[in-house]
Amino acid sequence: MITIVLNHIKGKALVFTGHSLGGSIASLAALHYLCILSSSSTYAPAPSVLCVTFGSSLLGNKAPSKAILREQWADSFCHVMS
């Protein structure tokens, strides 16, 4: 199923967004999508991905944070909180 979706949106920019729990789910979905793109040469060049969340809870610990920094995905995430 995911392959069908990836082929349909191939080469297009993608935005994940959500509020509260939906923001956490959007972040996880964006991370999953970025992982799929980075592990497959089929989808190169990788389309731009943006994840914007509003009031979502924090995800994970230092390990996911280090992985996001290592893969240079930090620019793909914007978390808005007040």
PDB file of N, CA and C in Angstrom:
ATOM      1  N   MET A   1       0.819  -1.196   0.000  1.00  0.00           N
ATOM      2  CA  MET A   1       0.000   0.000   0.000  1.00  0.00           C
ATOM      3  C   MET A   1       0.860   1.256   0.000  1.00  0.00           C
ATOM      4  N   ILE A   2       1.891   1.292   0.830  1.00  0.00           N
ATOM      5  CA  ILE A   2       2.742   2.486   0.912  1.00  0.00           C
ATOM      6  C   ILE A   2       3.451   2.741  -0.413  1.00  0.00           C
ATOM      7  N   THR A   3       3.789   1.697  -1.138  1.00  0.00           N
ATOM      8  CA  THR A   3       4.455   1.853  -2.431  1.00  0.00           C
ATOM      9  C   THR A   3       3.542   2.547  -3.432  1.00  0.00           C
ATOM     10  N   ILE A   4       2.269   2.218  -3.402  1.00  0.00           N
ATOM     11  CA  ILE A   4       1.308   2.859  -4.299  1.00  0.00           C
ATOM     12  C   ILE A   4       1.229   4.353  -4.004  1.00  0.00           C
ATOM     13  N   VAL A   5       1.157   4.694  -2.726  1.00  0.00           N
ATOM     14  CA  VAL A   5       1.093   6.104  -2.330  1.00  0.00           C
ATOM     15  C   VAL A   5       2.375   6.822  -2.729  1.00  0.00           C
ATOM     16  N   LEU A   6       3.528   6.214  -2.466  1.00  0.00           N
ATOM     17  CA  LEU A   6       4.806   6.839  -2.808  1.00  0.00           C
ATOM     18  C   LEU A   6       4.944   7.065  -4.307  1.00  0.00           C
ATOM     19  N   ASN A   7       4.492   6.129  -5.106  1.00  0.00           N
ATOM     20  CA  ASN A   7       4.543   6.306  -6.559  1.00  0.00           C
ATOM     21  C   ASN A   7       3.609   7.411  -7.022  1.00  0.00           C
ATOM     22  N   HIS A   8       2.489   7.579  -6.336  1.00  0.00           N
ATOM     23  CA  HIS A   8       1.518   8.610  -6.709  1.00  0.00           C
ATOM     24  C   HIS A   8       2.035  10.019  -6.412  1.00  0.00           C
ATOM     25  N   ILE A   9       2.780  10.187  -5.317  1.00  0.00           N
ATOM     26  CA  ILE A   9       3.256  11.512  -4.929  1.00  0.00           C
ATOM     27  C   ILE A   9       4.718  11.740  -5.300  1.00  0.00           C
ATOM     28  N   LYS A  10       5.264  10.862  -6.098  1.00  0.00           N
ATOM     29  CA  LYS A  10       6.680  10.930  -6.472  1.00  0.00           C
ATOM     30  C   LYS A  10       7.038  12.302  -7.049  1.00  0.00           C
ATOM     31  N   GLY A  11       8.076  12.922  -6.467  1.00  0.00           N
ATOM     32  CA  GLY A  11       8.573  14.198  -6.959  1.00  0.00           C
ATOM     33  C   GLY A  11       7.813  15.419  -6.472  1.00  0.00           C
ATOM     34  N   LYS A  12       6.762  15.238  -5.681  1.00  0.00           N
ATOM     35  CA  LYS A  12       5.975  16.364  -5.185  1.00  0.00           C
ATOM     36  C   LYS A  12       6.371  16.684  -3.748  1.00  0.00           C
ATOM     37  N   ALA A  13       6.276  17.963  -3.394  1.00  0.00           N
ATOM     38  CA  ALA A  13       6.529  18.362  -2.005  1.00  0.00           C
ATOM     39  C   ALA A  13       5.395  17.824  -1.133  1.00  0.00           C
ATOM     40  N   LEU A  14       5.725  17.494   0.105  1.00  0.00           N
ATOM     41  CA  LEU A  14       4.742  16.893   1.000  1.00  0.00           C
ATOM     42  C   LEU A  14       4.791  17.601   2.346  1.00  0.00           C
ATOM     43  N   VAL A  15       3.608  17.953   2.887  1.00  0.00           N
ATOM     44  CA  VAL A  15       3.508  18.614   4.182  1.00  0.00           C
ATOM     45  C   VAL A  15       2.698  17.732   5.119  1.00  0.00           C
ATOM     46  N   PHE A  16       3.269  17.459   6.287  1.00  0.00           N
ATOM     47  CA  PHE A  16       2.579  16.741   7.350  1.00  0.00           C
ATOM     48  C   PHE A  16       2.242  17.778   8.414  1.00  0.00           C
ATOM     49  N   THR A  17       1.033  17.752   8.936  1.00  0.00           N
ATOM     50  CA  THR A  17       0.660  18.711   9.971  1.00  0.00           C
ATOM     51  C   THR A  17      -0.339  18.092  10.932  1.00  0.00           C
ATOM     52  N   GLY A  18      -0.388  18.659  12.135  1.00  0.00           N
ATOM     53  CA  GLY A  18      -1.333  18.165  13.117  1.00  0.00           C
ATOM     54  C   GLY A  18      -1.277  18.972  14.393  1.00  0.00           C
ATOM     55  N   HIS A  19      -2.306  18.806  15.218  1.00  0.00           N
ATOM     56  CA  HIS A  19      -2.408  19.499  16.498  1.00  0.00           C
ATOM     57  C   HIS A  19      -2.497  18.466  17.615  1.00  0.00           C
ATOM     58  N   SER A  20      -1.781  18.723  18.699  1.00  0.00           N
ATOM     59  CA  SER A  20      -1.792  17.867  19.875  1.00  0.00           C
ATOM     60  C   SER A  20      -1.364  16.440  19.501  1.00  0.00           C
ATOM     61  N   LEU A  21      -2.190  15.444  19.745  1.00  0.00           N
ATOM     62  CA  LEU A  21      -1.826  14.068  19.406  1.00  0.00           C
ATOM     63  C   LEU A  21      -1.637  13.905  17.902  1.00  0.00           C
ATOM     64  N   GLY A  22      -2.421  14.619  17.119  1.00  0.00           N
ATOM     65  CA  GLY A  22      -2.271  14.590  15.667  1.00  0.00           C
ATOM     66  C   GLY A  22      -0.912  15.103  15.228  1.00  0.00           C
ATOM     67  N   GLY A  23      -0.355  16.057  15.982  1.00  0.00           N
ATOM     68  CA  GLY A  23       0.983  16.561  15.685  1.00  0.00           C
ATOM     69  C   GLY A  23       2.047  15.507  15.919  1.00  0.00           C
ATOM     70  N   SER A  24       1.880  14.749  16.982  1.00  0.00           N
ATOM     71  CA  SER A  24       2.823  13.658  17.259  1.00  0.00           C
ATOM     72  C   SER A  24       2.756  12.598  16.172  1.00  0.00           C
ATOM     73  N   ILE A  25       1.554  12.287  15.737  1.00  0.00           N
ATOM     74  CA  ILE A  25       1.381  11.308  14.667  1.00  0.00           C
ATOM     75  C   ILE A  25       1.960  11.832  13.362  1.00  0.00           C
ATOM     76  N   ALA A  26       1.763  13.127  13.093  1.00  0.00           N
ATOM     77  CA  ALA A  26       2.327  13.741  11.886  1.00  0.00           C
ATOM     78  C   ALA A  26       3.854  13.665  11.917  1.00  0.00           C
ATOM     79  N   SER A  27       4.452  13.901  13.075  1.00  0.00           N
ATOM     80  CA  SER A  27       5.910  13.813  13.202  1.00  0.00           C
ATOM     81  C   SER A  27       6.405  12.399  12.932  1.00  0.00           C
ATOM     82  N   LEU A  28       5.718  11.415  13.498  1.00  0.00           N
ATOM     83  CA  LEU A  28       6.108  10.021  13.272  1.00  0.00           C
ATOM     84  C   LEU A  28       5.936   9.634  11.807  1.00  0.00           C
ATOM     85  N   ALA A  29       4.852  10.095  11.189  1.00  0.00           N
ATOM     86  CA  ALA A  29       4.619   9.790   9.775  1.00  0.00           C
ATOM     87  C   ALA A  29       5.691  10.440   8.905  1.00  0.00           C
ATOM     88  N   ALA A  30       6.071  11.674   9.218  1.00  0.00           N
ATOM     89  CA  ALA A  30       7.115  12.361   8.457  1.00  0.00           C
ATOM     90  C   ALA A  30       8.453  11.639   8.615  1.00  0.00           C
ATOM     91  N   LEU A  31       8.774  11.216   9.831  1.00  0.00           N
ATOM     92  CA  LEU A  31      10.019  10.463  10.051  1.00  0.00           C
ATOM     93  C   LEU A  31      10.013   9.156   9.267  1.00  0.00           C
ATOM     94  N   HIS A  32       8.885   8.467   9.284  1.00  0.00           N
ATOM     95  CA  HIS A  32       8.776   7.205   8.545  1.00  0.00           C
ATOM     96  C   HIS A  32       8.965   7.451   7.049  1.00  0.00           C
ATOM     97  N   TYR A  33       8.330   8.489   6.542  1.00  0.00           N
ATOM     98  CA  TYR A  33       8.437   8.833   5.121  1.00  0.00           C
ATOM     99  C   TYR A  33       9.880   9.188   4.761  1.00  0.00           C
ATOM    100  N   LEU A  34      10.538   9.979   5.607  1.00  0.00           N
ATOM    101  CA  LEU A  34      11.933  10.349   5.352  1.00  0.00           C
ATOM    102  C   LEU A  34      12.847   9.122   5.375  1.00  0.00           C
ATOM    103  N   CYS A  35      12.578   8.195   6.283  1.00  0.00           N
ATOM    104  CA  CYS A  35      13.372   6.953   6.345  1.00  0.00           C
ATOM    105  C   CYS A  35      13.210   6.133   5.075  1.00  0.00           C
ATOM    106  N   ILE A  36      11.972   6.038   4.582  1.00  0.00           N
ATOM    107  CA  ILE A  36      11.730   5.295   3.345  1.00  0.00           C
ATOM    108  C   ILE A  36      12.468   5.955   2.182  1.00  0.00           C
ATOM    109  N   LEU A  37      12.385   7.278   2.100  1.00  0.00           N
ATOM    110  CA  LEU A  37      13.053   7.987   1.011  1.00  0.00           C
ATOM    111  C   LEU A  37      14.562   7.816   1.058  1.00  0.00           C
ATOM    112  N   SER A  38      15.124   7.870   2.259  1.00  0.00           N
ATOM    113  CA  SER A  38      16.586   7.787   2.371  1.00  0.00           C
ATOM    114  C   SER A  38      17.113   6.384   2.091  1.00  0.00           C
ATOM    115  N   SER A  39      16.284   5.366   2.287  1.00  0.00           N
ATOM    116  CA  SER A  39      16.755   3.999   2.080  1.00  0.00           C
ATOM    117  C   SER A  39      16.480   3.482   0.665  1.00  0.00           C
ATOM    118  N   SER A  40      15.826   4.290  -0.154  1.00  0.00           N
ATOM    119  CA  SER A  40      15.469   3.843  -1.494  1.00  0.00           C
ATOM    120  C   SER A  40      15.972   4.818  -2.540  1.00  0.00           C
ATOM    121  N   SER A  41      16.683   4.308  -3.527  1.00  0.00           N
ATOM    122  CA  SER A  41      17.151   5.155  -4.616  1.00  0.00           C
ATOM    123  C   SER A  41      16.059   5.351  -5.668  1.00  0.00           C
ATOM    124  N   THR A  42      14.958   4.634  -5.544  1.00  0.00           N
ATOM    125  CA  THR A  42      13.848   4.743  -6.492  1.00  0.00           C
ATOM    126  C   THR A  42      13.232   6.132  -6.469  1.00  0.00           C
ATOM    127  N   TYR A  43      13.245   6.774  -5.298  1.00  0.00           N
ATOM    128  CA  TYR A  43      12.569   8.048  -5.136  1.00  0.00           C
ATOM    129  C   TYR A  43      13.536   9.227  -5.174  1.00  0.00           C
ATOM    130  N   ALA A  44      14.753   9.023  -5.663  1.00  0.00           N
ATOM    131  CA  ALA A  44      15.737  10.103  -5.755  1.00  0.00           C
ATOM    132  C   ALA A  44      15.470  10.923  -7.005  1.00  0.00           C
ATOM    133  N   PRO A  45      15.638  12.226  -6.980  1.00  0.00           N
ATOM    134  CA  PRO A  45      15.974  13.013  -5.792  1.00  0.00           C
ATOM    135  C   PRO A  45      14.767  13.100  -4.859  1.00  0.00           C
ATOM    136  N   ALA A  46      15.056  13.141  -3.583  1.00  0.00           N
ATOM    137  CA  ALA A  46      13.994  13.150  -2.585  1.00  0.00           C
ATOM    138  C   ALA A  46      13.209  14.456  -2.643  1.00  0.00           C
ATOM    139  N   PRO A  47      11.879  14.364  -2.643  1.00  0.00           N
ATOM    140  CA  PRO A  47      11.078  15.582  -2.640  1.00  0.00           C
ATOM    141  C   PRO A  47      11.185  16.292  -1.291  1.00  0.00           C
ATOM    142  N   SER A  48      10.846  17.572  -1.270  1.00  0.00           N
ATOM    143  CA  SER A  48      10.922  18.301  -0.009  1.00  0.00           C
ATOM    144  C   SER A  48       9.789  17.843   0.913  1.00  0.00           C
ATOM    145  N   VAL A  49      10.127  17.718   2.185  1.00  0.00           N
ATOM    146  CA  VAL A  49       9.183  17.280   3.202  1.00  0.00           C
ATOM    147  C   VAL A  49       9.183  18.320   4.315  1.00  0.00           C
ATOM    148  N   LEU A  50       7.989  18.709   4.766  1.00  0.00           N
ATOM    149  CA  LEU A  50       7.849  19.653   5.866  1.00  0.00           C
ATOM    150  C   LEU A  50       6.822  19.104   6.839  1.00  0.00           C
ATOM    151  N   CYS A  51       7.152  19.144   8.119  1.00  0.00           N
ATOM    152  CA  CYS A  51       6.231  18.718   9.164  1.00  0.00           C
ATOM    153  C   CYS A  51       6.029  19.888  10.116  1.00  0.00           C
ATOM    154  N   VAL A  52       4.798  20.384  10.196  1.00  0.00           N
ATOM    155  CA  VAL A  52       4.460  21.499  11.080  1.00  0.00           C
ATOM    156  C   VAL A  52       3.457  20.989  12.105  1.00  0.00           C
ATOM    157  N   THR A  53       3.805  21.121  13.385  1.00  0.00           N
ATOM    158  CA  THR A  53       2.902  20.663  14.437  1.00  0.00           C
ATOM    159  C   THR A  53       2.547  21.826  15.350  1.00  0.00           C
ATOM    160  N   PHE A  54       1.387  21.729  15.967  1.00  0.00           N
ATOM    161  CA  PHE A  54       0.893  22.759  16.868  1.00  0.00           C
ATOM    162  C   PHE A  54       0.531  22.119  18.203  1.00  0.00           C
ATOM    163  N   GLY A  55       1.279  22.460  19.249  1.00  0.00           N
ATOM    164  CA  GLY A  55       0.986  21.958  20.585  1.00  0.00           C
ATOM    165  C   GLY A  55       1.111  20.463  20.740  1.00  0.00           C
ATOM    166  N   SER A  56       2.008  19.846  20.001  1.00  0.00           N
ATOM    167  CA  SER A  56       2.161  18.391  20.120  1.00  0.00           C
ATOM    168  C   SER A  56       3.133  18.060  21.246  1.00  0.00           C
ATOM    169  N   SER A  57       2.998  16.875  21.772  1.00  0.00           N
ATOM    170  CA  SER A  57       3.916  16.423  22.818  1.00  0.00           C
ATOM    171  C   SER A  57       5.272  16.078  22.200  1.00  0.00           C
ATOM    172  N   LEU A  58       6.283  16.027  23.038  1.00  0.00           N
ATOM    173  CA  LEU A  58       7.617  15.682  22.568  1.00  0.00           C
ATOM    174  C   LEU A  58       7.700  14.189  22.281  1.00  0.00           C
ATOM    175  N   LEU A  59       8.513  13.849  21.285  1.00  0.00           N
ATOM    176  CA  LEU A  59       8.662  12.449  20.893  1.00  0.00           C
ATOM    177  C   LEU A  59      10.048  11.944  21.259  1.00  0.00           C
ATOM    178  N   GLY A  60      10.103  10.762  21.789  1.00  0.00           N
ATOM    179  CA  GLY A  60      11.376  10.075  21.977  1.00  0.00           C
ATOM    180  C   GLY A  60      12.290  10.696  23.001  1.00  0.00           C
ATOM    181  N   ASN A  61      13.577  10.364  22.850  1.00  0.00           N
ATOM    182  CA  ASN A  61      14.619  10.838  23.746  1.00  0.00           C
ATOM    183  C   ASN A  61      15.791  11.319  22.895  1.00  0.00           C
ATOM    184  N   LYS A  62      17.009  11.182  23.399  1.00  0.00           N
ATOM    185  CA  LYS A  62      18.173  11.663  22.654  1.00  0.00           C
ATOM    186  C   LYS A  62      18.433  10.874  21.368  1.00  0.00           C
ATOM    187  N   ALA A  63      18.088   9.617  21.341  1.00  0.00           N
ATOM    188  CA  ALA A  63      18.379   8.785  20.162  1.00  0.00           C
ATOM    189  C   ALA A  63      17.678   9.288  18.891  1.00  0.00           C
ATOM    190  N   PRO A  64      16.354   9.516  18.910  1.00  0.00           N
ATOM    191  CA  PRO A  64      15.727  10.049  17.697  1.00  0.00           C
ATOM    192  C   PRO A  64      16.244  11.444  17.335  1.00  0.00           C
ATOM    193  N   SER A  65      16.520  12.240  18.355  1.00  0.00           N
ATOM    194  CA  SER A  65      17.042  13.588  18.116  1.00  0.00           C
ATOM    195  C   SER A  65      18.389  13.532  17.403  1.00  0.00           C
ATOM    196  N   LYS A  66      19.268  12.662  17.869  1.00  0.00           N
ATOM    197  CA  LYS A  66      20.582  12.509  17.230  1.00  0.00           C
ATOM    198  C   LYS A  66      20.443  11.977  15.804  1.00  0.00           C
ATOM    199  N   ALA A  67      19.499  11.064  15.589  1.00  0.00           N
ATOM    200  CA  ALA A  67      19.289  10.512  14.249  1.00  0.00           C
ATOM    201  C   ALA A  67      18.803  11.587  13.290  1.00  0.00           C
ATOM    202  N   ILE A  68      17.893  12.437  13.753  1.00  0.00           N
ATOM    203  CA  ILE A  68      17.391  13.527  12.908  1.00  0.00           C
ATOM    204  C   ILE A  68      18.513  14.487  12.557  1.00  0.00           C
ATOM    205  N   LEU A  69      19.358  14.798  13.517  1.00  0.00           N
ATOM    206  CA  LEU A  69      20.494  15.686  13.245  1.00  0.00           C
ATOM    207  C   LEU A  69      21.503  15.021  12.314  1.00  0.00           C
ATOM    208  N   ARG A  70      21.774  13.736  12.531  1.00  0.00           N
ATOM    209  CA  ARG A  70      22.743  13.011  11.710  1.00  0.00           C
ATOM    210  C   ARG A  70      22.293  12.958  10.244  1.00  0.00           C
ATOM    211  N   GLU A  71      21.012  12.727  10.031  1.00  0.00           N
ATOM    212  CA  GLU A  71      20.468  12.623   8.677  1.00  0.00           C
ATOM    213  C   GLU A  71      20.166  13.986   8.050  1.00  0.00           C
ATOM    214  N   GLN A  72      20.359  15.052   8.826  1.00  0.00           N
ATOM    215  CA  GLN A  72      20.121  16.435   8.378  1.00  0.00           C
ATOM    216  C   GLN A  72      18.661  16.662   7.993  1.00  0.00           C
ATOM    217  N   TRP A  73      17.752  16.172   8.834  1.00  0.00           N
ATOM    218  CA  TRP A  73      16.322  16.331   8.622  1.00  0.00           C
ATOM    219  C   TRP A  73      15.721  17.427   9.503  1.00  0.00           C
ATOM    220  N   ALA A  74      16.523  18.075  10.343  1.00  0.00           N
ATOM    221  CA  ALA A  74      15.993  19.049  11.300  1.00  0.00           C
ATOM    222  C   ALA A  74      15.247  20.187  10.611  1.00  0.00           C
ATOM    223  N   ASP A  75      15.669  20.575   9.427  1.00  0.00           N
ATOM    224  CA  ASP A  75      14.999  21.657   8.700  1.00  0.00           C
ATOM    225  C   ASP A  75      13.613  21.264   8.200  1.00  0.00           C
ATOM    226  N   SER A  76      13.291  20.005   8.274  1.00  0.00           N
ATOM    227  CA  SER A  76      11.981  19.532   7.804  1.00  0.00           C
ATOM    228  C   SER A  76      10.901  19.611   8.876  1.00  0.00           C
ATOM    229  N   PHE A  77      11.268  20.024  10.104  1.00  0.00           N
ATOM    230  CA  PHE A  77      10.319  20.031  11.218  1.00  0.00           C
ATOM    231  C   PHE A  77      10.177  21.414  11.825  1.00  0.00           C
ATOM    232  N   CYS A  78       8.947  21.803  12.102  1.00  0.00           N
ATOM    233  CA  CYS A  78       8.652  23.059  12.793  1.00  0.00           C
ATOM    234  C   CYS A  78       7.569  22.758  13.834  1.00  0.00           C
ATOM    235  N   HIS A  79       7.918  22.903  15.109  1.00  0.00           N
ATOM    236  CA  HIS A  79       6.970  22.625  16.182  1.00  0.00           C
ATOM    237  C   HIS A  79       6.580  23.947  16.833  1.00  0.00           C
ATOM    238  N   VAL A  80       5.293  24.273  16.817  1.00  0.00           N
ATOM    239  CA  VAL A  80       4.790  25.525  17.366  1.00  0.00           C
ATOM    240  C   VAL A  80       4.130  25.223  18.710  1.00  0.00           C
ATOM    241  N   MET A  81       4.587  25.935  19.752  1.00  0.00           N
ATOM    242  CA  MET A  81       4.024  25.779  21.088  1.00  0.00           C
ATOM    243  C   MET A  81       3.900  27.155  21.728  1.00  0.00           C
ATOM    244  N   SER A  82       2.927  27.291  22.617  1.00  0.00           N
ATOM    245  CA  SER A  82       2.825  28.570  23.348  1.00  0.00           C
ATOM    246  C   SER A  82       2.649  28.296  24.821  1.00  0.00           C
TER     247      SER A  82
END
